[in-house]
């Protein structure tokens, strides 16, 4: 039971550090990430939020 709690705490900590999809930080991180490593969802989100912003 202790291991499960520790695992959940670690997962929460790691996901809390990731920038929100569409934020400036996220766009910069994606520009640094090799495009071959992008998922289809990441590519679509990048196009939607970073290439064709709503503003």
C-alpha atoms as a PDB file:
ATOM      1  CA  UNK A   1       0.000   0.000   0.000  1.00  0.00           C
ATOM      2  CA  UNK A   2       2.885   2.376   0.765  1.00  0.00           C
ATOM      3  CA  UNK A   3       4.390   1.710  -2.653  1.00  0.00           C
ATOM      4  CA  UNK A   4       1.128   2.596  -4.376  1.00  0.00           C
ATOM      5  CA  UNK A   5       0.929   5.894  -2.513  1.00  0.00           C
ATOM      6  CA  UNK A   6       4.535   6.706  -3.358  1.00  0.00           C
ATOM      7  CA  UNK A   7       3.934   5.868  -7.021  1.00  0.00           C
ATOM      8  CA  UNK A   8       0.869   8.111  -7.171  1.00  0.00           C
ATOM      9  CA  UNK A   9       2.744  10.951  -5.493  1.00  0.00           C
ATOM     10  CA  UNK A  10       5.607  10.643  -7.976  1.00  0.00           C
ATOM     11  CA  UNK A  11       3.217  10.645 -10.926  1.00  0.00           C
ATOM     12  CA  UNK A  12       1.428  13.720  -9.613  1.00  0.00           C
ATOM     13  CA  UNK A  13       4.737  15.501  -9.086  1.00  0.00           C
ATOM     14  CA  UNK A  14       5.985  14.730 -12.601  1.00  0.00           C
ATOM     15  CA  UNK A  15       2.779  15.752 -14.354  1.00  0.00           C
ATOM     16  CA  UNK A  16       2.554  18.980 -12.382  1.00  0.00           C
ATOM     17  CA  UNK A  17       5.878  20.123 -13.850  1.00  0.00           C
ATOM     18  CA  UNK A  18       4.785  19.893 -17.481  1.00  0.00           C
ATOM     19  CA  UNK A  19       3.663  23.176 -19.074  1.00  0.00           C
ATOM     20  CA  UNK A  20       0.050  23.465 -20.179  1.00  0.00           C
ATOM     21  CA  UNK A  21      -0.616  22.509 -23.801  1.00  0.00           C
ATOM     22  CA  UNK A  22      -0.712  25.652 -25.915  1.00  0.00           C
ATOM     23  CA  UNK A  23       1.278  27.814 -23.495  1.00  0.00           C
ATOM     24  CA  UNK A  24       4.354  29.690 -24.671  1.00  0.00           C
ATOM     25  CA  UNK A  25       6.570  27.325 -22.654  1.00  0.00           C
ATOM     26  CA  UNK A  26       4.906  24.280 -24.213  1.00  0.00           C
ATOM     27  CA  UNK A  27       5.413  25.684 -27.728  1.00  0.00           C
ATOM     28  CA  UNK A  28       9.093  26.326 -26.979  1.00  0.00           C
ATOM     29  CA  UNK A  29       9.506  22.787 -25.591  1.00  0.00           C
ATOM     30  CA  UNK A  30       7.907  21.328 -28.706  1.00  0.00           C
ATOM     31  CA  UNK A  31      10.223  23.353 -30.961  1.00  0.00           C
ATOM     32  CA  UNK A  32      13.182  21.759 -29.133  1.00  0.00           C
ATOM     33  CA  UNK A  33      11.741  18.220 -29.318  1.00  0.00           C
ATOM     34  CA  UNK A  34      12.624  16.270 -32.512  1.00  0.00           C
ATOM     35  CA  UNK A  35       9.594  16.233 -34.800  1.00  0.00           C
ATOM     36  CA  UNK A  36       9.962  12.487 -35.274  1.00  0.00           C
ATOM     37  CA  UNK A  37       9.166  12.067 -31.565  1.00  0.00           C
ATOM     38  CA  UNK A  38       5.892  14.033 -31.724  1.00  0.00           C
ATOM     39  CA  UNK A  39       2.610  12.171 -31.419  1.00  0.00           C
ATOM     40  CA  UNK A  40      -0.250  12.964 -33.812  1.00  0.00           C
ATOM     41  CA  UNK A  41      -2.032  14.812 -30.995  1.00  0.00           C
ATOM     42  CA  UNK A  42       1.056  16.870 -30.186  1.00  0.00           C
ATOM     43  CA  UNK A  43       1.461  17.846 -33.851  1.00  0.00           C
ATOM     44  CA  UNK A  44      -2.190  18.893 -34.078  1.00  0.00           C
ATOM     45  CA  UNK A  45      -1.967  20.876 -30.836  1.00  0.00           C
ATOM     46  CA  UNK A  46       1.256  22.542 -32.000  1.00  0.00           C
ATOM     47  CA  UNK A  47      -0.376  23.619 -35.262  1.00  0.00           C
ATOM     48  CA  UNK A  48      -3.488  24.826 -33.453  1.00  0.00           C
ATOM     49  CA  UNK A  49      -1.784  26.755 -30.655  1.00  0.00           C
ATOM     50  CA  UNK A  50       1.685  27.689 -31.910  1.00  0.00           C
ATOM     51  CA  UNK A  51       1.469  28.028 -35.696  1.00  0.00           C
ATOM     52  CA  UNK A  52      -2.090  29.297 -36.074  1.00  0.00           C
ATOM     53  CA  UNK A  53      -2.810  31.120 -32.795  1.00  0.00           C
ATOM     54  CA  UNK A  54      -6.302  32.473 -32.181  1.00  0.00           C
ATOM     55  CA  UNK A  55      -5.103  36.024 -31.533  1.00  0.00           C
END
